[in-house]
Amino acid sequence: MDVGRKDWEWPIVTNFEKHNERVALLRTIPYEITAPVHEPATTARQGKALSVNISNGGILILMDQAPPVEQVLKVYVPTPTAVAETPTLAEVRWTRKIPFGQNNGAGPYFVGLKFMF
C-alpha cells in the first residue's frame, strides 16, 4: 500500500448534531440498481452490501462498487422480524474508497445513502 496516498484523508467532523441519531446496524443488505443515472432503462442489477449504521434519514453501507452520486437504489432494510425486509428507495449522497484491498479500482467502498420519502 502506498503510504503517501490521500485516499484515507477524510474531513473530521467535530459537530455531531447530524450524527447523534445513528444506530449501529451490521447486517447484510440486499439492493437493486434499476436504472443508472447516465443510462436509460436497463435491466436491474442486484447485489448485497453490509450495513454499518442507520438513522431516520439514511444508511451507511459497505459495497464492492461505487455507484455514482445521485444514483437511486432500492435497499431492503431489515426489520425486527427475520422474515420481513422493507424495500426502501435511497439516493447515493457520497462514496469513499477504503484504501486497502484491491488496487485495481475495485472496492470496498463506504456509501452514504439518503432515504427518499
N, C-alpha and C. Protein backbone atom coordinates (compact mmCIF):
# COMPACT_ATOMS: atom_id res chain seq x y z
N MET A 1 0.84 -1.17 0.00
CA MET A 1 0.00 0.00 0.00
C MET A 1 0.89 1.24 0.00
N ASP A 2 0.56 2.21 -0.80
CA ASP A 2 1.29 3.46 -0.90
C ASP A 2 0.90 4.35 0.28
N VAL A 3 1.82 4.55 1.22
CA VAL A 3 1.53 5.31 2.43
C VAL A 3 1.24 6.77 2.13
N GLY A 4 1.77 7.34 1.04
CA GLY A 4 1.57 8.73 0.69
C GLY A 4 0.23 9.02 0.04
N ARG A 5 -0.57 8.01 -0.21
CA ARG A 5 -1.86 8.22 -0.87
C ARG A 5 -2.80 9.00 0.03
N LYS A 6 -3.70 9.76 -0.55
CA LYS A 6 -4.64 10.60 0.18
C LYS A 6 -6.02 9.96 0.31
N ASP A 7 -6.18 8.68 -0.06
CA ASP A 7 -7.48 8.02 -0.06
C ASP A 7 -8.15 8.01 1.30
N TRP A 8 -7.38 7.97 2.37
CA TRP A 8 -7.93 7.80 3.70
C TRP A 8 -8.08 9.12 4.44
N GLU A 9 -7.68 10.21 3.83
CA GLU A 9 -7.75 11.51 4.49
C GLU A 9 -9.12 12.12 4.29
N TRP A 10 -10.03 11.85 5.21
CA TRP A 10 -11.37 12.39 5.17
C TRP A 10 -11.48 13.50 6.20
N PRO A 11 -12.35 14.47 5.97
CA PRO A 11 -12.50 15.52 6.97
C PRO A 11 -13.04 14.97 8.28
N ILE A 12 -12.57 15.51 9.37
CA ILE A 12 -13.04 15.10 10.69
C ILE A 12 -14.10 16.09 11.13
N VAL A 13 -15.26 15.57 11.50
CA VAL A 13 -16.38 16.41 11.91
C VAL A 13 -16.37 16.51 13.43
N THR A 14 -16.39 17.74 13.93
CA THR A 14 -16.41 17.92 15.38
C THR A 14 -17.82 18.22 15.88
N ASN A 15 -18.74 18.54 14.98
CA ASN A 15 -20.12 18.81 15.36
C ASN A 15 -20.93 17.55 15.04
N PHE A 16 -21.41 16.87 16.06
CA PHE A 16 -22.09 15.60 15.87
C PHE A 16 -23.61 15.72 15.88
N GLU A 17 -24.16 16.92 15.70
CA GLU A 17 -25.60 17.12 15.73
C GLU A 17 -26.32 16.21 14.73
N LYS A 18 -25.80 16.09 13.52
CA LYS A 18 -26.45 15.29 12.50
C LYS A 18 -26.19 13.80 12.70
N HIS A 19 -25.27 13.43 13.57
CA HIS A 19 -24.86 12.04 13.71
C HIS A 19 -25.37 11.37 14.99
N ASN A 20 -25.96 12.14 15.90
CA ASN A 20 -26.33 11.58 17.19
C ASN A 20 -27.49 10.58 17.11
N GLU A 21 -28.24 10.57 16.04
CA GLU A 21 -29.37 9.66 15.93
C GLU A 21 -28.99 8.34 15.26
N ARG A 22 -27.77 8.16 14.86
CA ARG A 22 -27.35 6.95 14.17
C ARG A 22 -27.22 5.78 15.13
N VAL A 23 -27.58 4.61 14.62
CA VAL A 23 -27.51 3.38 15.40
C VAL A 23 -26.71 2.36 14.60
N ALA A 24 -25.79 1.69 15.25
CA ALA A 24 -25.01 0.65 14.57
C ALA A 24 -25.95 -0.45 14.08
N LEU A 25 -25.73 -0.90 12.86
CA LEU A 25 -26.53 -1.97 12.28
C LEU A 25 -25.64 -2.76 11.33
N LEU A 26 -25.14 -3.89 11.78
CA LEU A 26 -24.27 -4.73 10.97
C LEU A 26 -25.08 -5.90 10.44
N ARG A 27 -25.58 -5.73 9.22
CA ARG A 27 -26.40 -6.75 8.58
C ARG A 27 -26.12 -6.76 7.08
N THR A 28 -26.40 -7.89 6.46
CA THR A 28 -26.35 -7.96 5.00
C THR A 28 -27.59 -7.27 4.46
N ILE A 29 -27.39 -6.36 3.52
CA ILE A 29 -28.49 -5.59 2.93
C ILE A 29 -28.56 -5.88 1.43
N PRO A 30 -29.59 -6.58 0.97
CA PRO A 30 -29.76 -6.73 -0.48
C PRO A 30 -30.12 -5.38 -1.10
N TYR A 31 -29.68 -5.14 -2.33
CA TYR A 31 -30.02 -3.90 -3.03
C TYR A 31 -30.24 -4.18 -4.51
N GLU A 32 -30.91 -3.24 -5.17
CA GLU A 32 -31.10 -3.28 -6.61
C GLU A 32 -30.79 -1.91 -7.19
N ILE A 33 -30.06 -1.90 -8.29
CA ILE A 33 -29.84 -0.68 -9.06
C ILE A 33 -30.70 -0.87 -10.31
N THR A 34 -31.78 -0.11 -10.42
CA THR A 34 -32.72 -0.35 -11.51
C THR A 34 -32.39 0.42 -12.77
N ALA A 35 -31.91 1.64 -12.66
CA ALA A 35 -31.57 2.43 -13.84
C ALA A 35 -30.45 3.38 -13.49
N PRO A 36 -29.23 3.12 -13.96
CA PRO A 36 -28.13 4.04 -13.66
C PRO A 36 -28.44 5.46 -14.13
N VAL A 37 -27.87 6.43 -13.44
CA VAL A 37 -28.12 7.83 -13.73
C VAL A 37 -27.83 8.17 -15.19
N HIS A 38 -26.73 7.65 -15.74
CA HIS A 38 -26.29 8.02 -17.07
C HIS A 38 -26.80 7.10 -18.17
N GLU A 39 -27.59 6.08 -17.84
CA GLU A 39 -28.11 5.15 -18.84
C GLU A 39 -29.62 5.06 -18.74
N PRO A 40 -30.33 5.08 -19.90
CA PRO A 40 -31.78 4.89 -19.85
C PRO A 40 -32.11 3.44 -19.54
N ALA A 41 -33.25 3.21 -18.93
CA ALA A 41 -33.83 1.91 -18.56
C ALA A 41 -33.04 0.68 -18.99
N THR A 42 -32.28 0.16 -18.08
CA THR A 42 -31.56 -1.08 -18.32
C THR A 42 -32.09 -2.13 -17.36
N THR A 43 -31.59 -3.32 -17.45
CA THR A 43 -32.05 -4.36 -16.54
C THR A 43 -31.55 -4.08 -15.13
N ALA A 44 -32.29 -4.54 -14.17
CA ALA A 44 -31.93 -4.32 -12.77
C ALA A 44 -30.65 -5.07 -12.43
N ARG A 45 -29.77 -4.43 -11.68
CA ARG A 45 -28.58 -5.09 -11.14
C ARG A 45 -28.79 -5.26 -9.66
N GLN A 46 -28.48 -6.44 -9.19
CA GLN A 46 -28.70 -6.76 -7.79
C GLN A 46 -27.39 -7.10 -7.11
N GLY A 47 -27.36 -6.95 -5.82
CA GLY A 47 -26.18 -7.31 -5.07
C GLY A 47 -26.48 -7.28 -3.58
N LYS A 48 -25.42 -7.44 -2.81
CA LYS A 48 -25.53 -7.37 -1.36
C LYS A 48 -24.47 -6.43 -0.84
N ALA A 49 -24.83 -5.70 0.18
CA ALA A 49 -23.93 -4.77 0.85
C ALA A 49 -23.98 -5.10 2.34
N LEU A 50 -23.06 -4.51 3.08
CA LEU A 50 -23.05 -4.65 4.53
C LEU A 50 -23.42 -3.30 5.13
N SER A 51 -24.48 -3.27 5.91
CA SER A 51 -24.84 -2.02 6.56
C SER A 51 -23.88 -1.77 7.72
N VAL A 52 -23.61 -0.50 7.99
CA VAL A 52 -22.72 -0.10 9.08
C VAL A 52 -23.53 0.61 10.17
N ASN A 53 -24.32 1.61 9.74
CA ASN A 53 -25.21 2.28 10.69
C ASN A 53 -26.43 2.80 9.94
N ILE A 54 -27.45 3.19 10.72
CA ILE A 54 -28.71 3.63 10.13
C ILE A 54 -29.30 4.74 11.00
N SER A 55 -30.07 5.62 10.37
CA SER A 55 -30.79 6.67 11.09
C SER A 55 -32.13 6.85 10.38
N ASN A 56 -32.93 7.79 10.86
CA ASN A 56 -34.20 8.08 10.19
C ASN A 56 -33.98 8.60 8.77
N GLY A 57 -32.85 9.26 8.54
CA GLY A 57 -32.62 9.90 7.25
C GLY A 57 -31.84 9.08 6.25
N GLY A 58 -31.11 8.06 6.70
CA GLY A 58 -30.30 7.31 5.75
C GLY A 58 -29.58 6.14 6.37
N ILE A 59 -28.69 5.57 5.57
CA ILE A 59 -27.96 4.38 5.99
C ILE A 59 -26.56 4.42 5.38
N LEU A 60 -25.59 3.96 6.14
CA LEU A 60 -24.22 3.84 5.65
C LEU A 60 -23.98 2.36 5.36
N ILE A 61 -23.55 2.08 4.13
CA ILE A 61 -23.30 0.69 3.75
C ILE A 61 -21.89 0.53 3.20
N LEU A 62 -21.43 -0.69 3.18
CA LEU A 62 -20.14 -1.06 2.62
C LEU A 62 -20.42 -1.89 1.38
N MET A 63 -19.89 -1.44 0.22
CA MET A 63 -20.16 -2.10 -1.06
C MET A 63 -18.85 -2.43 -1.77
N ASP A 64 -18.92 -3.35 -2.72
CA ASP A 64 -17.75 -3.69 -3.52
C ASP A 64 -17.62 -2.80 -4.75
N GLN A 65 -18.56 -1.89 -4.97
CA GLN A 65 -18.51 -0.95 -6.08
C GLN A 65 -18.93 0.42 -5.58
N ALA A 66 -18.63 1.44 -6.37
CA ALA A 66 -19.01 2.80 -6.00
C ALA A 66 -20.06 3.30 -6.99
N PRO A 67 -21.33 3.24 -6.63
CA PRO A 67 -22.35 3.76 -7.53
C PRO A 67 -22.21 5.27 -7.63
N PRO A 68 -22.62 5.86 -8.76
CA PRO A 68 -22.50 7.31 -8.90
C PRO A 68 -23.38 8.06 -7.90
N VAL A 69 -22.92 9.24 -7.51
CA VAL A 69 -23.71 10.11 -6.64
C VAL A 69 -25.01 10.43 -7.37
N GLU A 70 -26.11 10.47 -6.65
CA GLU A 70 -27.48 10.69 -7.12
C GLU A 70 -28.12 9.43 -7.69
N GLN A 71 -27.38 8.32 -7.75
CA GLN A 71 -27.96 7.05 -8.18
C GLN A 71 -29.01 6.62 -7.16
N VAL A 72 -30.14 6.15 -7.62
CA VAL A 72 -31.18 5.67 -6.72
C VAL A 72 -31.09 4.15 -6.63
N LEU A 73 -31.08 3.66 -5.41
CA LEU A 73 -31.04 2.23 -5.14
C LEU A 73 -32.31 1.82 -4.40
N LYS A 74 -32.73 0.60 -4.63
CA LYS A 74 -33.77 0.01 -3.78
C LYS A 74 -33.02 -0.87 -2.79
N VAL A 75 -33.05 -0.49 -1.52
CA VAL A 75 -32.38 -1.26 -0.48
C VAL A 75 -33.45 -1.95 0.36
N TYR A 76 -33.13 -3.15 0.80
CA TYR A 76 -34.07 -3.93 1.61
C TYR A 76 -33.62 -3.84 3.06
N VAL A 77 -34.21 -2.89 3.77
CA VAL A 77 -33.84 -2.61 5.15
C VAL A 77 -34.40 -3.69 6.06
N PRO A 78 -33.57 -4.27 6.92
CA PRO A 78 -34.06 -5.32 7.81
C PRO A 78 -35.03 -4.76 8.84
N THR A 79 -35.94 -5.60 9.25
CA THR A 79 -36.90 -5.25 10.30
C THR A 79 -36.64 -6.15 11.50
N PRO A 80 -37.28 -5.89 12.62
CA PRO A 80 -37.04 -6.72 13.81
C PRO A 80 -37.33 -8.21 13.60
N THR A 81 -38.26 -8.54 12.72
CA THR A 81 -38.52 -9.95 12.44
C THR A 81 -37.63 -10.40 11.29
N ALA A 82 -37.05 -11.54 11.41
CA ALA A 82 -36.08 -12.03 10.43
C ALA A 82 -36.71 -12.32 9.07
N VAL A 83 -38.01 -12.55 9.00
CA VAL A 83 -38.64 -12.93 7.74
C VAL A 83 -39.07 -11.74 6.89
N ALA A 84 -39.09 -10.55 7.45
CA ALA A 84 -39.56 -9.37 6.71
C ALA A 84 -38.42 -8.41 6.43
N GLU A 85 -38.37 -7.92 5.20
CA GLU A 85 -37.45 -6.85 4.82
C GLU A 85 -38.28 -5.79 4.11
N THR A 86 -38.03 -4.55 4.41
CA THR A 86 -38.80 -3.47 3.83
C THR A 86 -38.02 -2.82 2.70
N PRO A 87 -38.54 -2.88 1.44
CA PRO A 87 -37.83 -2.20 0.35
C PRO A 87 -37.99 -0.69 0.48
N THR A 88 -36.89 0.01 0.35
CA THR A 88 -36.86 1.45 0.52
C THR A 88 -36.01 2.05 -0.58
N LEU A 89 -36.46 3.15 -1.17
CA LEU A 89 -35.63 3.85 -2.14
C LEU A 89 -34.68 4.77 -1.41
N ALA A 90 -33.42 4.78 -1.87
CA ALA A 90 -32.40 5.61 -1.24
C ALA A 90 -31.50 6.17 -2.33
N GLU A 91 -31.04 7.39 -2.14
CA GLU A 91 -30.17 8.07 -3.09
C GLU A 91 -28.74 8.08 -2.59
N VAL A 92 -27.80 7.77 -3.46
CA VAL A 92 -26.38 7.83 -3.11
C VAL A 92 -25.99 9.29 -2.94
N ARG A 93 -25.48 9.64 -1.76
CA ARG A 93 -25.05 11.01 -1.48
C ARG A 93 -23.55 11.17 -1.57
N TRP A 94 -22.80 10.10 -1.23
CA TRP A 94 -21.34 10.15 -1.30
C TRP A 94 -20.78 8.73 -1.28
N THR A 95 -19.55 8.60 -1.77
CA THR A 95 -18.83 7.33 -1.70
C THR A 95 -17.39 7.62 -1.28
N ARG A 96 -16.78 6.69 -0.57
CA ARG A 96 -15.37 6.79 -0.17
C ARG A 96 -14.74 5.42 -0.32
N LYS A 97 -13.67 5.34 -1.08
CA LYS A 97 -12.95 4.08 -1.23
C LYS A 97 -12.14 3.81 0.04
N ILE A 98 -12.20 2.59 0.50
CA ILE A 98 -11.39 2.19 1.64
C ILE A 98 -10.01 1.84 1.09
N PRO A 99 -8.96 2.44 1.61
CA PRO A 99 -7.64 2.34 0.96
C PRO A 99 -6.87 1.05 1.22
N PHE A 100 -7.55 -0.04 1.40
CA PHE A 100 -6.89 -1.32 1.45
C PHE A 100 -7.75 -2.29 0.67
N GLY A 101 -7.18 -3.41 0.33
CA GLY A 101 -7.88 -4.33 -0.55
C GLY A 101 -7.24 -4.29 -1.91
N GLN A 102 -8.03 -4.44 -2.93
CA GLN A 102 -7.51 -4.49 -4.29
C GLN A 102 -7.09 -3.10 -4.77
N ASN A 103 -6.02 -3.03 -5.53
CA ASN A 103 -5.54 -1.76 -6.05
C ASN A 103 -6.01 -1.48 -7.46
N ASN A 104 -6.88 -2.29 -8.01
CA ASN A 104 -7.33 -2.12 -9.39
C ASN A 104 -8.59 -1.29 -9.50
N GLY A 105 -8.93 -0.52 -8.48
CA GLY A 105 -10.11 0.33 -8.52
C GLY A 105 -11.35 -0.34 -7.94
N ALA A 106 -11.25 -1.65 -7.68
CA ALA A 106 -12.39 -2.34 -7.07
C ALA A 106 -12.47 -1.96 -5.60
N GLY A 107 -13.59 -2.25 -4.98
CA GLY A 107 -13.89 -1.86 -3.62
C GLY A 107 -12.92 -2.41 -2.60
N PRO A 108 -13.25 -2.29 -1.38
CA PRO A 108 -14.55 -1.90 -0.85
C PRO A 108 -14.73 -0.38 -0.75
N TYR A 109 -15.99 0.04 -0.69
CA TYR A 109 -16.36 1.45 -0.61
C TYR A 109 -17.38 1.65 0.50
N PHE A 110 -17.23 2.74 1.25
CA PHE A 110 -18.30 3.22 2.10
C PHE A 110 -19.24 4.00 1.19
N VAL A 111 -20.55 3.80 1.33
CA VAL A 111 -21.53 4.50 0.51
C VAL A 111 -22.58 5.08 1.44
N GLY A 112 -22.74 6.40 1.41
CA GLY A 112 -23.75 7.07 2.23
C GLY A 112 -25.02 7.22 1.43
N LEU A 113 -26.12 6.68 1.95
CA LEU A 113 -27.41 6.74 1.27
C LEU A 113 -28.39 7.58 2.07
N LYS A 114 -29.17 8.39 1.37
CA LYS A 114 -30.23 9.18 1.98
C LYS A 114 -31.56 8.56 1.58
N PHE A 115 -32.41 8.25 2.57
CA PHE A 115 -33.71 7.69 2.26
C PHE A 115 -34.57 8.71 1.54
N MET A 116 -35.33 8.24 0.55
CA MET A 116 -36.24 9.08 -0.19
C MET A 116 -37.65 8.82 0.32
N PHE A 117 -38.34 9.86 0.76
CA PHE A 117 -39.66 9.69 1.37
C PHE A 117 -40.74 10.05 0.39
